[in-house]
mmCIF file of all heavy atoms, coordinates in Angstrom:
data_MODEL
# 
_entry.id   MODEL 
# 
loop_
_atom_site.group_PDB 
_atom_site.id 
_atom_site.type_symbol 
_atom_site.label_atom_id 
_atom_site.label_alt_id 
_atom_site.label_comp_id 
_atom_site.label_asym_id 
_atom_site.label_entity_id 
_atom_site.label_seq_id 
_atom_site.pdbx_PDB_ins_code 
_atom_site.Cartn_x 
_atom_site.Cartn_y 
_atom_site.Cartn_z 
_atom_site.occupancy 
_atom_site.B_iso_or_equiv 
_atom_site.pdbx_formal_charge 
_atom_site.auth_seq_id 
_atom_site.auth_comp_id 
_atom_site.auth_asym_id 
_atom_site.auth_atom_id 
_atom_site.pdbx_PDB_model_num 
ATOM 1   N N   . LEU A 1 1  ? 0.854  -1.216  0.040  1.00 0.00 ? 1  LEU A N   1 
ATOM 2   C CA  . LEU A 1 1  ? -0.046 0.020   0.006  1.00 0.00 ? 1  LEU A CA  1 
ATOM 3   C C   . LEU A 1 1  ? 0.863  1.326   0.022  1.00 0.00 ? 1  LEU A C   1 
ATOM 4   O O   . LEU A 1 1  ? 0.537  2.175   -0.709 1.00 0.00 ? 1  LEU A O   1 
ATOM 5   C CB  . LEU A 1 1  ? -0.973 0.028   1.236  1.00 0.00 ? 1  LEU A CB  1 
ATOM 6   C CG  . LEU A 1 1  ? -2.039 -1.138  1.190  1.00 0.00 ? 1  LEU A CG  1 
ATOM 7   C CD1 . LEU A 1 1  ? -2.793 -0.977  2.469  1.00 0.00 ? 1  LEU A CD1 1 
ATOM 8   C CD2 . LEU A 1 1  ? -2.973 -0.887  0.025  1.00 0.00 ? 1  LEU A CD2 1 
ATOM 9   N N   . LEU A 1 2  ? 1.931  1.203   0.743  1.00 0.00 ? 2  LEU A N   1 
ATOM 10  C CA  . LEU A 1 2  ? 2.894  2.400   0.740  1.00 0.00 ? 2  LEU A CA  1 
ATOM 11  C C   . LEU A 1 2  ? 3.389  2.540   -0.601 1.00 0.00 ? 2  LEU A C   1 
ATOM 12  O O   . LEU A 1 2  ? 3.523  3.755   -1.143 1.00 0.00 ? 2  LEU A O   1 
ATOM 13  C CB  . LEU A 1 2  ? 3.945  2.126   1.816  1.00 0.00 ? 2  LEU A CB  1 
ATOM 14  C CG  . LEU A 1 2  ? 3.615  2.315   3.238  1.00 0.00 ? 2  LEU A CG  1 
ATOM 15  C CD1 . LEU A 1 2  ? 4.857  1.987   4.125  1.00 0.00 ? 2  LEU A CD1 1 
ATOM 16  C CD2 . LEU A 1 2  ? 3.154  3.732   3.639  1.00 0.00 ? 2  LEU A CD2 1 
ATOM 17  N N   . TYR A 1 3  ? 3.895  1.535   -1.267 1.00 0.00 ? 3  TYR A N   1 
ATOM 18  C CA  . TYR A 1 3  ? 4.457  1.635   -2.576 1.00 0.00 ? 3  TYR A CA  1 
ATOM 19  C C   . TYR A 1 3  ? 3.392  2.169   -3.648 1.00 0.00 ? 3  TYR A C   1 
ATOM 20  O O   . TYR A 1 3  ? 3.766  2.987   -4.487 1.00 0.00 ? 3  TYR A O   1 
ATOM 21  C CB  . TYR A 1 3  ? 5.000  0.341   -3.038 1.00 0.00 ? 3  TYR A CB  1 
ATOM 22  C CG  . TYR A 1 3  ? 5.499  0.363   -4.490 1.00 0.00 ? 3  TYR A CG  1 
ATOM 23  C CD1 . TYR A 1 3  ? 6.728  1.054   -4.816 1.00 0.00 ? 3  TYR A CD1 1 
ATOM 24  C CD2 . TYR A 1 3  ? 4.790  -0.177  -5.608 1.00 0.00 ? 3  TYR A CD2 1 
ATOM 25  C CE1 . TYR A 1 3  ? 7.228  1.182   -6.126 1.00 0.00 ? 3  TYR A CE1 1 
ATOM 26  C CE2 . TYR A 1 3  ? 5.252  -0.009  -6.859 1.00 0.00 ? 3  TYR A CE2 1 
ATOM 27  C CZ  . TYR A 1 3  ? 6.397  0.680   -7.209 1.00 0.00 ? 3  TYR A CZ  1 
ATOM 28  O OH  . TYR A 1 3  ? 6.843  0.793   -8.371 1.00 0.00 ? 3  TYR A OH  1 
ATOM 29  N N   . SER A 1 4  ? 2.259  1.750   -3.510 1.00 0.00 ? 4  SER A N   1 
ATOM 30  C CA  . SER A 1 4  ? 1.292  2.288   -4.440 1.00 0.00 ? 4  SER A CA  1 
ATOM 31  C C   . SER A 1 4  ? 0.980  3.643   -4.342 1.00 0.00 ? 4  SER A C   1 
ATOM 32  O O   . SER A 1 4  ? 0.429  4.343   -5.238 1.00 0.00 ? 4  SER A O   1 
ATOM 33  C CB  . SER A 1 4  ? -0.145 1.480   -4.235 1.00 0.00 ? 4  SER A CB  1 
ATOM 34  O OG  . SER A 1 4  ? -0.653 1.736   -3.045 1.00 0.00 ? 4  SER A OG  1 
ATOM 35  N N   . ARG A 1 5  ? 1.346  4.320   -3.194 1.00 0.00 ? 5  ARG A N   1 
ATOM 36  C CA  . ARG A 1 5  ? 1.154  5.606   -2.930 1.00 0.00 ? 5  ARG A CA  1 
ATOM 37  C C   . ARG A 1 5  ? 2.388  6.585   -3.192 1.00 0.00 ? 5  ARG A C   1 
ATOM 38  O O   . ARG A 1 5  ? 2.304  7.563   -3.810 1.00 0.00 ? 5  ARG A O   1 
ATOM 39  C CB  . ARG A 1 5  ? 0.542  5.922   -1.534 1.00 0.00 ? 5  ARG A CB  1 
ATOM 40  C CG  . ARG A 1 5  ? -0.807 5.518   -1.359 1.00 0.00 ? 5  ARG A CG  1 
ATOM 41  C CD  . ARG A 1 5  ? -1.211 5.221   0.126  1.00 0.00 ? 5  ARG A CD  1 
ATOM 42  N NE  . ARG A 1 5  ? -2.642 4.997   0.248  1.00 0.00 ? 5  ARG A NE  1 
ATOM 43  C CZ  . ARG A 1 5  ? -3.221 3.890   -0.222 1.00 0.00 ? 5  ARG A CZ  1 
ATOM 44  N NH1 . ARG A 1 5  ? -2.550 2.880   -0.694 1.00 0.00 ? 5  ARG A NH1 1 
ATOM 45  N NH2 . ARG A 1 5  ? -4.566 3.670   0.030  1.00 0.00 ? 5  ARG A NH2 1 
ATOM 46  N N   . ASN A 1 6  ? 3.572  6.075   -2.711 1.00 0.00 ? 6  ASN A N   1 
ATOM 47  C CA  . ASN A 1 6  ? 4.719  6.910   -2.807 1.00 0.00 ? 6  ASN A CA  1 
ATOM 48  C C   . ASN A 1 6  ? 5.723  6.451   -3.891 1.00 0.00 ? 6  ASN A C   1 
ATOM 49  O O   . ASN A 1 6  ? 6.678  7.150   -4.163 1.00 0.00 ? 6  ASN A O   1 
ATOM 50  C CB  . ASN A 1 6  ? 5.445  7.023   -1.510 1.00 0.00 ? 6  ASN A CB  1 
ATOM 51  C CG  . ASN A 1 6  ? 5.981  5.592   -0.941 1.00 0.00 ? 6  ASN A CG  1 
ATOM 52  O OD1 . ASN A 1 6  ? 6.222  4.692   -1.744 1.00 0.00 ? 6  ASN A OD1 1 
ATOM 53  N ND2 . ASN A 1 6  ? 6.135  5.487   0.235  1.00 0.00 ? 6  ASN A ND2 1 
ATOM 54  N N   . LYS A 1 7  ? 5.521  5.269   -4.509 1.00 0.00 ? 7  LYS A N   1 
ATOM 55  C CA  . LYS A 1 7  ? 6.366  4.691   -5.585 1.00 0.00 ? 7  LYS A CA  1 
ATOM 56  C C   . LYS A 1 7  ? 7.790  4.624   -5.138 1.00 0.00 ? 7  LYS A C   1 
ATOM 57  O O   . LYS A 1 7  ? 8.789  4.627   -5.852 1.00 0.00 ? 7  LYS A O   1 
ATOM 58  C CB  . LYS A 1 7  ? 6.243  5.480   -6.838 1.00 0.00 ? 7  LYS A CB  1 
ATOM 59  C CG  . LYS A 1 7  ? 4.871  5.517   -7.424 1.00 0.00 ? 7  LYS A CG  1 
ATOM 60  C CD  . LYS A 1 7  ? 4.318  4.109   -7.627 1.00 0.00 ? 7  LYS A CD  1 
ATOM 61  C CE  . LYS A 1 7  ? 2.895  4.104   -8.136 1.00 0.00 ? 7  LYS A CE  1 
ATOM 62  N NZ  . LYS A 1 7  ? 2.331  2.798   -8.374 1.00 0.00 ? 7  LYS A NZ  1 
ATOM 63  N N   . ASN A 1 8  ? 8.038  4.404   -3.810 1.00 0.00 ? 8  ASN A N   1 
ATOM 64  C CA  . ASN A 1 8  ? 9.329  4.206   -3.239 1.00 0.00 ? 8  ASN A CA  1 
ATOM 65  C C   . ASN A 1 8  ? 9.779  2.735   -3.457 1.00 0.00 ? 8  ASN A C   1 
ATOM 66  O O   . ASN A 1 8  ? 9.129  1.924   -2.837 1.00 0.00 ? 8  ASN A O   1 
ATOM 67  C CB  . ASN A 1 8  ? 9.412  4.590   -1.765 1.00 0.00 ? 8  ASN A CB  1 
ATOM 68  C CG  . ASN A 1 8  ? 10.848 4.566   -1.244 1.00 0.00 ? 8  ASN A CG  1 
ATOM 69  O OD1 . ASN A 1 8  ? 11.738 3.839   -1.605 1.00 0.00 ? 8  ASN A OD1 1 
ATOM 70  N ND2 . ASN A 1 8  ? 11.086 5.454   -0.256 1.00 0.00 ? 8  ASN A ND2 1 
ATOM 71  N N   . ILE A 1 9  ? 10.785 2.492   -4.113 1.00 0.00 ? 9  ILE A N   1 
ATOM 72  C CA  . ILE A 1 9  ? 11.136 1.058   -4.536 1.00 0.00 ? 9  ILE A CA  1 
ATOM 73  C C   . ILE A 1 9  ? 11.552 0.325   -3.272 1.00 0.00 ? 9  ILE A C   1 
ATOM 74  O O   . ILE A 1 9  ? 11.403 -0.938  -3.274 1.00 0.00 ? 9  ILE A O   1 
ATOM 75  C CB  . ILE A 1 9  ? 12.319 1.138   -5.555 1.00 0.00 ? 9  ILE A CB  1 
ATOM 76  C CG1 . ILE A 1 9  ? 12.468 -0.337  -6.133 1.00 0.00 ? 9  ILE A CG1 1 
ATOM 77  C CG2 . ILE A 1 9  ? 13.693 1.518   -4.919 1.00 0.00 ? 9  ILE A CG2 1 
ATOM 78  C CD1 . ILE A 1 9  ? 11.295 -0.750  -7.026 1.00 0.00 ? 9  ILE A CD1 1 
ATOM 79  N N   . LYS A 1 10 ? 11.929 0.983   -2.188 1.00 0.00 ? 10 LYS A N   1 
ATOM 80  C CA  . LYS A 1 10 ? 12.257 0.220   -1.021 1.00 0.00 ? 10 LYS A CA  1 
ATOM 81  C C   . LYS A 1 10 ? 11.026 -0.487  -0.432 1.00 0.00 ? 10 LYS A C   1 
ATOM 82  O O   . LYS A 1 10 ? 11.119 -1.575  0.059  1.00 0.00 ? 10 LYS A O   1 
ATOM 83  C CB  . LYS A 1 10 ? 12.830 1.185   0.093  1.00 0.00 ? 10 LYS A CB  1 
ATOM 84  C CG  . LYS A 1 10 ? 14.279 1.669   -0.300 1.00 0.00 ? 10 LYS A CG  1 
ATOM 85  C CD  . LYS A 1 10 ? 14.783 2.574   0.824  1.00 0.00 ? 10 LYS A CD  1 
ATOM 86  C CE  . LYS A 1 10 ? 16.170 3.108   0.438  1.00 0.00 ? 10 LYS A CE  1 
ATOM 87  N NZ  . LYS A 1 10 ? 16.753 3.962   1.451  1.00 0.00 ? 10 LYS A NZ  1 
ATOM 88  N N   . ASN A 1 11 ? 9.927  0.153   -0.478 1.00 0.00 ? 11 ASN A N   1 
ATOM 89  C CA  . ASN A 1 11 ? 8.641  -0.502  -0.012 1.00 0.00 ? 11 ASN A CA  1 
ATOM 90  C C   . ASN A 1 11 ? 8.314  -1.641  -0.855 1.00 0.00 ? 11 ASN A C   1 
ATOM 91  O O   . ASN A 1 11 ? 7.923  -2.688  -0.349 1.00 0.00 ? 11 ASN A O   1 
ATOM 92  C CB  . ASN A 1 11 ? 7.508  0.602   -0.075 1.00 0.00 ? 11 ASN A CB  1 
ATOM 93  C CG  . ASN A 1 11 ? 7.681  1.639   0.966  1.00 0.00 ? 11 ASN A CG  1 
ATOM 94  O OD1 . ASN A 1 11 ? 7.713  2.851   0.451  1.00 0.00 ? 11 ASN A OD1 1 
ATOM 95  N ND2 . ASN A 1 11 ? 7.904  1.353   2.206  1.00 0.00 ? 11 ASN A ND2 1 
ATOM 96  N N   . LEU A 1 12 ? 8.485  -1.552  -2.198 1.00 0.00 ? 12 LEU A N   1 
ATOM 97  C CA  . LEU A 1 12 ? 8.229  -2.679  -3.032 1.00 0.00 ? 12 LEU A CA  1 
ATOM 98  C C   . LEU A 1 12 ? 9.108  -3.920  -2.730 1.00 0.00 ? 12 LEU A C   1 
ATOM 99  O O   . LEU A 1 12 ? 8.626  -5.019  -2.694 1.00 0.00 ? 12 LEU A O   1 
ATOM 100 C CB  . LEU A 1 12 ? 8.266  -2.276  -4.567 1.00 0.00 ? 12 LEU A CB  1 
ATOM 101 C CG  . LEU A 1 12 ? 8.045  -3.409  -5.584 1.00 0.00 ? 12 LEU A CG  1 
ATOM 102 C CD1 . LEU A 1 12 ? 6.675  -4.007  -5.417 1.00 0.00 ? 12 LEU A CD1 1 
ATOM 103 C CD2 . LEU A 1 12 ? 8.387  -2.927  -6.956 1.00 0.00 ? 12 LEU A CD2 1 
ATOM 104 N N   . ASN A 1 13 ? 10.406 -3.589  -2.569 1.00 0.00 ? 13 ASN A N   1 
ATOM 105 C CA  . ASN A 1 13 ? 11.304 -4.643  -2.274 1.00 0.00 ? 13 ASN A CA  1 
ATOM 106 C C   . ASN A 1 13 ? 11.072 -5.252  -0.907 1.00 0.00 ? 13 ASN A C   1 
ATOM 107 O O   . ASN A 1 13 ? 11.256 -6.531  -0.810 1.00 0.00 ? 13 ASN A O   1 
ATOM 108 C CB  . ASN A 1 13 ? 12.753 -4.052  -2.344 1.00 0.00 ? 13 ASN A CB  1 
ATOM 109 C CG  . ASN A 1 13 ? 13.290 -3.863  -3.699 1.00 0.00 ? 13 ASN A CG  1 
ATOM 110 O OD1 . ASN A 1 13 ? 12.826 -4.469  -4.589 1.00 0.00 ? 13 ASN A OD1 1 
ATOM 111 N ND2 . ASN A 1 13 ? 14.320 -2.985  -3.849 1.00 0.00 ? 13 ASN A ND2 1 
ATOM 112 N N   . LYS A 1 14 ? 10.624 -4.518  0.110  1.00 0.00 ? 14 LYS A N   1 
ATOM 113 C CA  . LYS A 1 14 ? 10.271 -5.099  1.301  1.00 0.00 ? 14 LYS A CA  1 
ATOM 114 C C   . LYS A 1 14 ? 9.030  -6.054  1.181  1.00 0.00 ? 14 LYS A C   1 
ATOM 115 O O   . LYS A 1 14 ? 9.053  -7.198  1.773  1.00 0.00 ? 14 LYS A O   1 
ATOM 116 C CB  . LYS A 1 14 ? 9.969  -3.983  2.388  1.00 0.00 ? 14 LYS A CB  1 
ATOM 117 C CG  . LYS A 1 14 ? 11.111 -3.318  2.862  1.00 0.00 ? 14 LYS A CG  1 
ATOM 118 C CD  . LYS A 1 14 ? 10.704 -2.166  3.824  1.00 0.00 ? 14 LYS A CD  1 
ATOM 119 C CE  . LYS A 1 14 ? 11.962 -1.383  4.365  1.00 0.00 ? 14 LYS A CE  1 
ATOM 120 N NZ  . LYS A 1 14 ? 11.516 -0.298  5.306  1.00 0.00 ? 14 LYS A NZ  1 
ATOM 121 N N   . CYS A 1 15 ? 8.059  -5.597  0.435  1.00 0.00 ? 15 CYS A N   1 
ATOM 122 C CA  . CYS A 1 15 ? 6.867  -6.434  0.140  1.00 0.00 ? 15 CYS A CA  1 
ATOM 123 C C   . CYS A 1 15 ? 7.330  -7.745  -0.505 1.00 0.00 ? 15 CYS A C   1 
ATOM 124 O O   . CYS A 1 15 ? 6.908  -8.849  -0.062 1.00 0.00 ? 15 CYS A O   1 
ATOM 125 C CB  . CYS A 1 15 ? 5.927  -5.764  -0.655 1.00 0.00 ? 15 CYS A CB  1 
ATOM 126 S SG  . CYS A 1 15 ? 4.403  -6.615  -1.227 1.00 0.00 ? 15 CYS A SG  1 
ATOM 127 N N   . LEU A 1 16 ? 8.124  -7.624  -1.549 1.00 0.00 ? 16 LEU A N   1 
ATOM 128 C CA  . LEU A 1 16 ? 8.604  -8.828  -2.230 1.00 0.00 ? 16 LEU A CA  1 
ATOM 129 C C   . LEU A 1 16 ? 9.360  -9.756  -1.387 1.00 0.00 ? 16 LEU A C   1 
ATOM 130 O O   . LEU A 1 16 ? 9.262  -11.033 -1.461 1.00 0.00 ? 16 LEU A O   1 
ATOM 131 C CB  . LEU A 1 16 ? 9.399  -8.487  -3.469 1.00 0.00 ? 16 LEU A CB  1 
ATOM 132 C CG  . LEU A 1 16 ? 8.624  -7.689  -4.550 1.00 0.00 ? 16 LEU A CG  1 
ATOM 133 C CD1 . LEU A 1 16 ? 9.614  -7.248  -5.631 1.00 0.00 ? 16 LEU A CD1 1 
ATOM 134 C CD2 . LEU A 1 16 ? 7.505  -8.476  -5.137 1.00 0.00 ? 16 LEU A CD2 1 
ATOM 135 N N   . SER A 1 17 ? 10.250 -9.260  -0.568 1.00 0.00 ? 17 SER A N   1 
ATOM 136 C CA  . SER A 1 17 ? 11.054 -10.039 0.401  1.00 0.00 ? 17 SER A CA  1 
ATOM 137 C C   . SER A 1 17 ? 10.215 -10.836 1.340  1.00 0.00 ? 17 SER A C   1 
ATOM 138 O O   . SER A 1 17 ? 10.404 -12.051 1.517  1.00 0.00 ? 17 SER A O   1 
ATOM 139 C CB  . SER A 1 17 ? 11.963 -9.176  1.120  1.00 0.00 ? 17 SER A CB  1 
ATOM 140 O OG  . SER A 1 17 ? 12.739 -9.901  1.992  1.00 0.00 ? 17 SER A OG  1 
ATOM 141 N N   . ILE A 1 18 ? 9.211  -10.168 1.846  1.00 0.00 ? 18 ILE A N   1 
ATOM 142 C CA  . ILE A 1 18 ? 8.323  -10.840 2.853  1.00 0.00 ? 18 ILE A CA  1 
ATOM 143 C C   . ILE A 1 18 ? 7.503  -11.880 2.136  1.00 0.00 ? 18 ILE A C   1 
ATOM 144 O O   . ILE A 1 18 ? 7.438  -13.043 2.700  1.00 0.00 ? 18 ILE A O   1 
ATOM 145 C CB  . ILE A 1 18 ? 7.442  -9.765  3.520  1.00 0.00 ? 18 ILE A CB  1 
ATOM 146 C CG1 . ILE A 1 18 ? 8.241  -8.793  4.344  1.00 0.00 ? 18 ILE A CG1 1 
ATOM 147 C CG2 . ILE A 1 18 ? 6.392  -10.543 4.385  1.00 0.00 ? 18 ILE A CG2 1 
ATOM 148 C CD1 . ILE A 1 18 ? 7.369  -7.518  4.854  1.00 0.00 ? 18 ILE A CD1 1 
ATOM 149 N N   . ILE A 1 19 ? 6.891  -11.609 1.007  1.00 0.00 ? 19 ILE A N   1 
ATOM 150 C CA  . ILE A 1 19 ? 6.077  -12.673 0.362  1.00 0.00 ? 19 ILE A CA  1 
ATOM 151 C C   . ILE A 1 19 ? 6.891  -13.813 -0.065 1.00 0.00 ? 19 ILE A C   1 
ATOM 152 O O   . ILE A 1 19 ? 6.415  -14.975 -0.082 1.00 0.00 ? 19 ILE A O   1 
ATOM 153 C CB  . ILE A 1 19 ? 5.168  -12.112 -0.711 1.00 0.00 ? 19 ILE A CB  1 
ATOM 154 C CG1 . ILE A 1 19 ? 5.824  -11.654 -1.897 1.00 0.00 ? 19 ILE A CG1 1 
ATOM 155 C CG2 . ILE A 1 19 ? 4.186  -11.075 -0.081 1.00 0.00 ? 19 ILE A CG2 1 
ATOM 156 C CD1 . ILE A 1 19 ? 4.980  -11.329 -3.049 1.00 0.00 ? 19 ILE A CD1 1 
ATOM 157 N N   . ASN A 1 20 ? 8.125  -13.632 -0.438 1.00 0.00 ? 20 ASN A N   1 
ATOM 158 C CA  . ASN A 1 20 ? 8.961  -14.634 -0.907 1.00 0.00 ? 20 ASN A CA  1 
ATOM 159 C C   . ASN A 1 20 ? 9.407  -15.631 0.300  1.00 0.00 ? 20 ASN A C   1 
ATOM 160 O O   . ASN A 1 20 ? 9.327  -16.797 0.224  1.00 0.00 ? 20 ASN A O   1 
ATOM 161 C CB  . ASN A 1 20 ? 10.238 -14.158 -1.483 1.00 0.00 ? 20 ASN A CB  1 
ATOM 162 C CG  . ASN A 1 20 ? 10.130 -13.977 -2.961 1.00 0.00 ? 20 ASN A CG  1 
ATOM 163 O OD1 . ASN A 1 20 ? 10.147 -15.061 -3.692 1.00 0.00 ? 20 ASN A OD1 1 
ATOM 164 N ND2 . ASN A 1 20 ? 9.961  -12.814 -3.462 1.00 0.00 ? 20 ASN A ND2 1 
ATOM 165 N N   . LYS A 1 21 ? 9.573  -14.950 1.433  1.00 0.00 ? 21 LYS A N   1 
ATOM 166 C CA  . LYS A 1 21 ? 9.841  -15.738 2.721  1.00 0.00 ? 21 LYS A CA  1 
ATOM 167 C C   . LYS A 1 21 ? 8.571  -16.444 3.171  1.00 0.00 ? 21 LYS A C   1 
ATOM 168 O O   . LYS A 1 21 ? 8.747  -17.619 3.717  1.00 0.00 ? 21 LYS A O   1 
ATOM 169 C CB  . LYS A 1 21 ? 10.395 -14.856 3.762  1.00 0.00 ? 21 LYS A CB  1 
ATOM 170 C CG  . LYS A 1 21 ? 11.775 -14.279 3.422  1.00 0.00 ? 21 LYS A CG  1 
ATOM 171 C CD  . LYS A 1 21 ? 12.303 -13.331 4.496  1.00 0.00 ? 21 LYS A CD  1 
ATOM 172 C CE  . LYS A 1 21 ? 12.946 -14.184 5.616  1.00 0.00 ? 21 LYS A CE  1 
ATOM 173 N NZ  . LYS A 1 21 ? 14.213 -14.841 5.283  1.00 0.00 ? 21 LYS A NZ  1 
ATOM 174 N N   . ILE A 1 22 ? 7.454  -15.749 2.985  1.00 0.00 ? 22 ILE A N   1 
ATOM 175 C CA  . ILE A 1 22 ? 6.202  -16.575 3.347  1.00 0.00 ? 22 ILE A CA  1 
ATOM 176 C C   . ILE A 1 22 ? 6.026  -17.744 2.458  1.00 0.00 ? 22 ILE A C   1 
ATOM 177 O O   . ILE A 1 22 ? 5.643  -18.864 2.875  1.00 0.00 ? 22 ILE A O   1 
ATOM 178 C CB  . ILE A 1 22 ? 5.021  -15.610 3.312  1.00 0.00 ? 22 ILE A CB  1 
ATOM 179 C CG1 . ILE A 1 22 ? 5.064  -14.531 4.403  1.00 0.00 ? 22 ILE A CG1 1 
ATOM 180 C CG2 . ILE A 1 22 ? 3.633  -16.349 3.355  1.00 0.00 ? 22 ILE A CG2 1 
ATOM 181 C CD1 . ILE A 1 22 ? 4.071  -13.448 4.240  1.00 0.00 ? 22 ILE A CD1 1 
ATOM 182 N N   . LYS A 1 23 ? 6.368  -17.608 1.178  1.00 0.00 ? 23 LYS A N   1 
ATOM 183 C CA  . LYS A 1 23 ? 6.099  -18.626 0.215  1.00 0.00 ? 23 LYS A CA  1 
ATOM 184 C C   . LYS A 1 23 ? 7.028  -19.876 0.589  1.00 0.00 ? 23 LYS A C   1 
ATOM 185 O O   . LYS A 1 23 ? 6.567  -21.017 0.355  1.00 0.00 ? 23 LYS A O   1 
ATOM 186 C CB  . LYS A 1 23 ? 6.536  -18.166 -1.212 1.00 0.00 ? 23 LYS A CB  1 
ATOM 187 C CG  . LYS A 1 23 ? 6.319  -19.140 -2.426 1.00 0.00 ? 23 LYS A CG  1 
ATOM 188 C CD  . LYS A 1 23 ? 6.588  -18.477 -3.747 1.00 0.00 ? 23 LYS A CD  1 
ATOM 189 C CE  . LYS A 1 23 ? 6.368  -19.496 -4.908 1.00 0.00 ? 23 LYS A CE  1 
ATOM 190 N NZ  . LYS A 1 23 ? 7.334  -20.555 -4.910 1.00 0.00 ? 23 LYS A NZ  1 
ATOM 191 N N   . ASP A 1 24 ? 8.185  -19.553 1.104  1.00 0.00 ? 24 ASP A N   1 
ATOM 192 C CA  . ASP A 1 24 ? 8.989  -20.598 1.578  1.00 0.00 ? 24 ASP A CA  1 
ATOM 193 C C   . ASP A 1 24 ? 8.523  -21.482 2.726  1.00 0.00 ? 24 ASP A C   1 
ATOM 194 O O   . ASP A 1 24 ? 8.902  -22.570 3.037  1.00 0.00 ? 24 ASP A O   1 
ATOM 195 C CB  . ASP A 1 24 ? 10.389 -20.115 1.964  1.00 0.00 ? 24 ASP A CB  1 
ATOM 196 C CG  . ASP A 1 24 ? 11.213 -19.604 0.720  1.00 0.00 ? 24 ASP A CG  1 
ATOM 197 O OD1 . ASP A 1 24 ? 10.941 -19.997 -0.300 1.00 0.00 ? 24 ASP A OD1 1 
ATOM 198 O OD2 . ASP A 1 24 ? 12.179 -18.752 0.944  1.00 0.00 ? 24 ASP A OD2 1 
ATOM 199 N N   . CYS A 1 25 ? 7.557  -20.815 3.387  1.00 0.00 ? 25 CYS A N   1 
ATOM 200 C CA  . CYS A 1 25 ? 6.891  -21.546 4.621  1.00 0.00 ? 25 CYS A CA  1 
ATOM 201 C C   . CYS A 1 25 ? 5.697  -22.313 4.179  1.00 0.00 ? 25 CYS A C   1 
ATOM 202 O O   . CYS A 1 25 ? 5.158  -23.231 5.001  1.00 0.00 ? 25 CYS A O   1 
ATOM 203 C CB  . CYS A 1 25 ? 6.456  -20.470 5.612  1.00 0.00 ? 25 CYS A CB  1 
ATOM 204 S SG  . CYS A 1 25 ? 7.810  -19.476 6.341  1.00 0.00 ? 25 CYS A SG  1 
ATOM 205 N N   . ILE A 1 26 ? 5.126  -22.036 2.998  1.00 0.00 ? 26 ILE A N   1 
ATOM 206 C CA  . ILE A 1 26 ? 4.001  -22.843 2.508  1.00 0.00 ? 26 ILE A CA  1 
ATOM 207 C C   . ILE A 1 26 ? 4.415  -24.225 2.191  1.00 0.00 ? 26 ILE A C   1 
ATOM 208 O O   . ILE A 1 26 ? 5.454  -24.468 1.540  1.00 0.00 ? 26 ILE A O   1 
ATOM 209 C CB  . ILE A 1 26 ? 3.384  -22.132 1.295  1.00 0.00 ? 26 ILE A CB  1 
ATOM 210 C CG1 . ILE A 1 26 ? 2.913  -20.713 1.665  1.00 0.00 ? 26 ILE A CG1 1 
ATOM 211 C CG2 . ILE A 1 26 ? 2.262  -23.021 0.739  1.00 0.00 ? 26 ILE A CG2 1 
ATOM 212 C CD1 . ILE A 1 26 ? 2.319  -19.885 0.464  1.00 0.00 ? 26 ILE A CD1 1 
ATOM 213 N N   . ILE A 1 27 ? 3.617  -25.181 2.645  1.00 0.00 ? 27 ILE A N   1 
ATOM 214 C CA  . ILE A 1 27 ? 3.921  -26.557 2.433  1.00 0.00 ? 27 ILE A CA  1 
ATOM 215 C C   . ILE A 1 27 ? 3.199  -27.093 1.150  1.00 0.00 ? 27 ILE A C   1 
ATOM 216 O O   . ILE A 1 27 ? 1.934  -26.805 1.067  1.00 0.00 ? 27 ILE A O   1 
ATOM 217 C CB  . ILE A 1 27 ? 3.461  -27.396 3.704  1.00 0.00 ? 27 ILE A CB  1 
ATOM 218 C CG1 . ILE A 1 27 ? 4.259  -26.921 4.970  1.00 0.00 ? 27 ILE A CG1 1 
ATOM 219 C CG2 . ILE A 1 27 ? 3.690  -28.944 3.426  1.00 0.00 ? 27 ILE A CG2 1 
ATOM 220 C CD1 . ILE A 1 27 ? 3.563  -27.430 6.226  1.00 0.00 ? 27 ILE A CD1 1 
ATOM 221 N N   . GLN A 1 28 ? 3.902  -27.662 0.299  1.00 0.00 ? 28 GLN A N   1 
ATOM 222 C CA  . GLN A 1 28 ? 3.336  -28.182 -0.927 1.00 0.00 ? 28 GLN A CA  1 
ATOM 223 C C   . GLN A 1 28 ? 3.427  -29.783 -0.902 1.00 0.00 ? 28 GLN A C   1 
ATOM 224 O O   . GLN A 1 28 ? 4.531  -30.316 -0.832 1.00 0.00 ? 28 GLN A O   1 
ATOM 225 C CB  . GLN A 1 28 ? 4.010  -27.667 -2.180 1.00 0.00 ? 28 GLN A CB  1 
ATOM 226 C CG  . GLN A 1 28 ? 3.507  -28.265 -3.392 1.00 0.00 ? 28 GLN A CG  1 
ATOM 227 C CD  . GLN A 1 28 ? 4.030  -27.550 -4.730 1.00 0.00 ? 28 GLN A CD  1 
ATOM 228 O OE1 . GLN A 1 28 ? 4.522  -26.498 -4.618 1.00 0.00 ? 28 GLN A OE1 1 
ATOM 229 N NE2 . GLN A 1 28 ? 3.938  -28.260 -5.871 1.00 0.00 ? 28 GLN A NE2 1 
ATOM 230 N N   . LEU A 1 29 ? 2.285  -30.433 -1.051 1.00 0.00 ? 29 LEU A N   1 
ATOM 231 C CA  . LEU A 1 29 ? 2.288  -31.868 -1.210 1.00 0.00 ? 29 LEU A CA  1 
ATOM 232 C C   . LEU A 1 29 ? 2.583  -32.248 -2.678 1.00 0.00 ? 29 LEU A C   1 
ATOM 233 O O   . LEU A 1 29 ? 1.892  -31.903 -3.631 1.00 0.00 ? 29 LEU A O   1 
ATOM 234 C CB  . LEU A 1 29 ? 0.977  -32.458 -0.803 1.00 0.00 ? 29 LEU A CB  1 
ATOM 235 C CG  . LEU A 1 29 ? 0.544  -32.293 0.689  1.00 0.00 ? 29 LEU A CG  1 
ATOM 236 C CD1 . LEU A 1 29 ? -0.665 -33.065 0.908  1.00 0.00 ? 29 LEU A CD1 1 
ATOM 237 C CD2 . LEU A 1 29 ? 1.627  -32.923 1.579  1.00 0.00 ? 29 LEU A CD2 1 
# 
């Protein structure tokens, strides 16, 4: 949401980092 408003690439990178780490926690059968 911050990135969508201020277009600061740091916010986008933080979002991407978090969802990638979350993805690593998802269990796939």
